[in-house]
Amino acid sequence: MAEARNISMRALIEEFTATALTPAQLQERAERTDSFLASEFGHRVSEDDAGALRERMRQARAAHQARVRGTAA
């Protein structure tokens, strides 16, 4: 990726770290999302709901990666 953008690995890593969210920022974003869903739609996401969504995202990511690997062969 760095080579394609004609920058050093160090510069690429610096870009990633400058744009990556901290755990506290991720938690704050999740809390804002929960508040929005509750106020706009009257829905609270339970831990079970969140776990099910995480599992579906994991499955979707694995399926996508399998498709990408299959087309690269």
N, C-alpha and C. Protein backbone atom coordinates (compact mmCIF):
# COMPACT_ATOMS: atom_id res chain seq x y z
N MET A 1 0.82 -1.18 0.00
CA MET A 1 0.00 0.00 0.00
C MET A 1 0.88 1.26 0.00
N ALA A 2 1.90 1.22 0.82
CA ALA A 2 2.81 2.37 0.86
C ALA A 2 3.48 2.56 -0.49
N GLU A 3 3.90 1.48 -1.09
CA GLU A 3 4.55 1.57 -2.40
C GLU A 3 3.59 2.13 -3.44
N ALA A 4 2.35 1.68 -3.43
CA ALA A 4 1.37 2.16 -4.40
C ALA A 4 1.10 3.65 -4.24
N ARG A 5 1.22 4.14 -3.02
CA ARG A 5 0.99 5.56 -2.76
C ARG A 5 2.28 6.37 -2.80
N ASN A 6 3.38 5.67 -3.06
CA ASN A 6 4.70 6.30 -3.16
C ASN A 6 5.08 7.04 -1.87
N ILE A 7 4.82 6.36 -0.73
CA ILE A 7 5.22 6.90 0.57
C ILE A 7 5.94 5.80 1.34
N SER A 8 6.63 6.18 2.39
CA SER A 8 7.34 5.20 3.19
C SER A 8 6.35 4.45 4.10
N MET A 9 6.79 3.29 4.56
CA MET A 9 5.97 2.53 5.52
C MET A 9 5.74 3.37 6.78
N ARG A 10 6.76 4.08 7.19
CA ARG A 10 6.62 4.93 8.38
C ARG A 10 5.51 5.96 8.18
N ALA A 11 5.49 6.61 7.02
CA ALA A 11 4.45 7.61 6.73
C ALA A 11 3.07 6.96 6.69
N LEU A 12 2.99 5.76 6.14
CA LEU A 12 1.71 5.06 6.08
C LEU A 12 1.21 4.72 7.48
N ILE A 13 2.10 4.21 8.31
CA ILE A 13 1.73 3.89 9.69
C ILE A 13 1.33 5.14 10.45
N GLU A 14 2.04 6.24 10.24
CA GLU A 14 1.68 7.50 10.89
C GLU A 14 0.28 7.95 10.48
N GLU A 15 -0.06 7.77 9.20
CA GLU A 15 -1.41 8.10 8.74
C GLU A 15 -2.45 7.24 9.44
N PHE A 16 -2.18 5.95 9.52
CA PHE A 16 -3.12 5.04 10.17
C PHE A 16 -3.33 5.42 11.63
N THR A 17 -2.24 5.70 12.34
CA THR A 17 -2.37 6.02 13.75
C THR A 17 -3.06 7.37 13.96
N ALA A 18 -2.90 8.28 13.02
CA ALA A 18 -3.55 9.59 13.16
C ALA A 18 -5.05 9.49 12.96
N THR A 19 -5.50 8.49 12.20
CA THR A 19 -6.93 8.39 11.90
C THR A 19 -7.64 7.30 12.69
N ALA A 20 -6.89 6.44 13.37
CA ALA A 20 -7.49 5.34 14.14
C ALA A 20 -8.15 5.89 15.41
N LEU A 21 -9.29 5.31 15.75
CA LEU A 21 -9.99 5.72 16.96
C LEU A 21 -9.43 4.98 18.16
N THR A 22 -9.36 5.67 19.29
CA THR A 22 -8.91 5.05 20.53
C THR A 22 -10.06 4.23 21.10
N PRO A 23 -9.77 3.31 22.02
CA PRO A 23 -10.86 2.56 22.66
C PRO A 23 -11.90 3.47 23.31
N ALA A 24 -11.46 4.56 23.92
CA ALA A 24 -12.40 5.50 24.54
C ALA A 24 -13.28 6.16 23.48
N GLN A 25 -12.70 6.51 22.34
CA GLN A 25 -13.49 7.11 21.26
C GLN A 25 -14.48 6.11 20.69
N LEU A 26 -14.07 4.86 20.55
CA LEU A 26 -14.98 3.82 20.06
C LEU A 26 -16.14 3.63 21.03
N GLN A 27 -15.85 3.62 22.32
CA GLN A 27 -16.90 3.47 23.34
C GLN A 27 -17.86 4.65 23.29
N GLU A 28 -17.33 5.85 23.17
CA GLU A 28 -18.17 7.05 23.11
C GLU A 28 -19.06 7.01 21.87
N ARG A 29 -18.52 6.56 20.76
CA ARG A 29 -19.29 6.46 19.53
C ARG A 29 -20.41 5.42 19.68
N ALA A 30 -20.10 4.31 20.32
CA ALA A 30 -21.12 3.27 20.56
C ALA A 30 -22.24 3.81 21.45
N GLU A 31 -21.87 4.56 22.47
CA GLU A 31 -22.88 5.14 23.37
C GLU A 31 -23.76 6.15 22.64
N ARG A 32 -23.16 6.96 21.77
CA ARG A 32 -23.96 7.91 20.98
C ARG A 32 -24.91 7.18 20.04
N THR A 33 -24.43 6.10 19.44
CA THR A 33 -25.28 5.31 18.54
C THR A 33 -26.44 4.70 19.32
N ASP A 34 -26.16 4.14 20.48
CA ASP A 34 -27.22 3.57 21.32
C ASP A 34 -28.26 4.63 21.67
N SER A 35 -27.80 5.81 22.05
CA SER A 35 -28.71 6.90 22.40
C SER A 35 -29.56 7.32 21.21
N PHE A 36 -28.95 7.40 20.04
CA PHE A 36 -29.67 7.77 18.82
C PHE A 36 -30.76 6.75 18.50
N LEU A 37 -30.40 5.46 18.54
CA LEU A 37 -31.38 4.42 18.25
C LEU A 37 -32.54 4.46 19.24
N ALA A 38 -32.23 4.71 20.49
CA ALA A 38 -33.28 4.77 21.51
C ALA A 38 -34.18 5.97 21.30
N SER A 39 -33.60 7.13 21.02
CA SER A 39 -34.41 8.35 20.89
C SER A 39 -35.17 8.40 19.57
N GLU A 40 -34.58 7.95 18.49
CA GLU A 40 -35.22 8.04 17.18
C GLU A 40 -36.14 6.87 16.86
N PHE A 41 -35.80 5.70 17.37
CA PHE A 41 -36.55 4.50 16.99
C PHE A 41 -37.13 3.75 18.18
N GLY A 42 -36.82 4.23 19.38
CA GLY A 42 -37.34 3.56 20.57
C GLY A 42 -36.77 2.17 20.77
N HIS A 43 -35.57 1.96 20.29
CA HIS A 43 -34.96 0.63 20.38
C HIS A 43 -33.64 0.70 21.14
N ARG A 44 -33.49 -0.19 22.06
CA ARG A 44 -32.21 -0.34 22.78
C ARG A 44 -31.55 -1.62 22.30
N VAL A 45 -30.29 -1.54 21.96
CA VAL A 45 -29.54 -2.72 21.51
C VAL A 45 -29.03 -3.44 22.76
N SER A 46 -29.50 -4.67 22.94
CA SER A 46 -29.06 -5.47 24.09
C SER A 46 -27.68 -6.07 23.81
N GLU A 47 -27.08 -6.61 24.85
CA GLU A 47 -25.79 -7.29 24.66
C GLU A 47 -25.96 -8.49 23.74
N ASP A 48 -27.11 -9.18 23.84
CA ASP A 48 -27.37 -10.31 22.94
C ASP A 48 -27.47 -9.84 21.49
N ASP A 49 -28.19 -8.71 21.28
CA ASP A 49 -28.30 -8.15 19.92
C ASP A 49 -26.91 -7.78 19.39
N ALA A 50 -26.12 -7.12 20.21
CA ALA A 50 -24.79 -6.69 19.80
C ALA A 50 -23.92 -7.90 19.47
N GLY A 51 -24.00 -8.93 20.27
CA GLY A 51 -23.22 -10.13 20.02
C GLY A 51 -23.64 -10.80 18.72
N ALA A 52 -24.94 -10.85 18.47
CA ALA A 52 -25.44 -11.45 17.22
C ALA A 52 -24.98 -10.64 16.02
N LEU A 53 -25.00 -9.32 16.14
CA LEU A 53 -24.54 -8.46 15.04
C LEU A 53 -23.05 -8.64 14.80
N ARG A 54 -22.27 -8.73 15.88
CA ARG A 54 -20.82 -8.96 15.72
C ARG A 54 -20.56 -10.28 15.01
N GLU A 55 -21.33 -11.31 15.36
CA GLU A 55 -21.15 -12.61 14.73
C GLU A 55 -21.51 -12.55 13.25
N ARG A 56 -22.59 -11.86 12.91
CA ARG A 56 -22.97 -11.72 11.50
C ARG A 56 -21.90 -10.96 10.72
N MET A 57 -21.33 -9.93 11.33
CA MET A 57 -20.26 -9.19 10.66
C MET A 57 -19.02 -10.07 10.48
N ARG A 58 -18.71 -10.88 11.47
CA ARG A 58 -17.57 -11.79 11.36
C ARG A 58 -17.78 -12.78 10.22
N GLN A 59 -18.99 -13.32 10.13
CA GLN A 59 -19.31 -14.26 9.05
C GLN A 59 -19.23 -13.58 7.69
N ALA A 60 -19.76 -12.36 7.60
CA ALA A 60 -19.72 -11.63 6.32
C ALA A 60 -18.29 -11.34 5.92
N ARG A 61 -17.45 -10.95 6.87
CA ARG A 61 -16.04 -10.67 6.57
C ARG A 61 -15.34 -11.94 6.09
N ALA A 62 -15.60 -13.07 6.77
CA ALA A 62 -14.97 -14.33 6.38
C ALA A 62 -15.42 -14.74 4.98
N ALA A 63 -16.71 -14.57 4.68
CA ALA A 63 -17.22 -14.92 3.35
C ALA A 63 -16.58 -14.03 2.28
N HIS A 64 -16.45 -12.76 2.58
CA HIS A 64 -15.83 -11.83 1.63
C HIS A 64 -14.37 -12.22 1.39
N GLN A 65 -13.65 -12.50 2.46
CA GLN A 65 -12.24 -12.87 2.32
C GLN A 65 -12.10 -14.15 1.51
N ALA A 66 -13.01 -15.10 1.70
CA ALA A 66 -12.97 -16.35 0.94
C ALA A 66 -13.23 -16.07 -0.55
N ARG A 67 -14.15 -15.16 -0.85
CA ARG A 67 -14.41 -14.81 -2.25
C ARG A 67 -13.21 -14.13 -2.88
N VAL A 68 -12.59 -13.23 -2.14
CA VAL A 68 -11.42 -12.51 -2.65
C VAL A 68 -10.28 -13.50 -2.91
N ARG A 69 -10.06 -14.40 -2.00
CA ARG A 69 -9.00 -15.41 -2.18
C ARG A 69 -9.32 -16.30 -3.37
N GLY A 70 -10.59 -16.61 -3.57
CA GLY A 70 -10.99 -17.46 -4.68
C GLY A 70 -10.79 -16.81 -6.02
N THR A 71 -10.98 -15.49 -6.10
CA THR A 71 -10.81 -14.79 -7.38
C THR A 71 -9.36 -14.49 -7.66
N ALA A 72 -8.52 -14.45 -6.63
CA ALA A 72 -7.11 -14.13 -6.80
C ALA A 72 -6.32 -15.35 -7.29
N ALA A 73 -6.90 -16.52 -7.13
CA ALA A 73 -6.18 -17.75 -7.50
C ALA A 73 -6.11 -17.97 -8.98
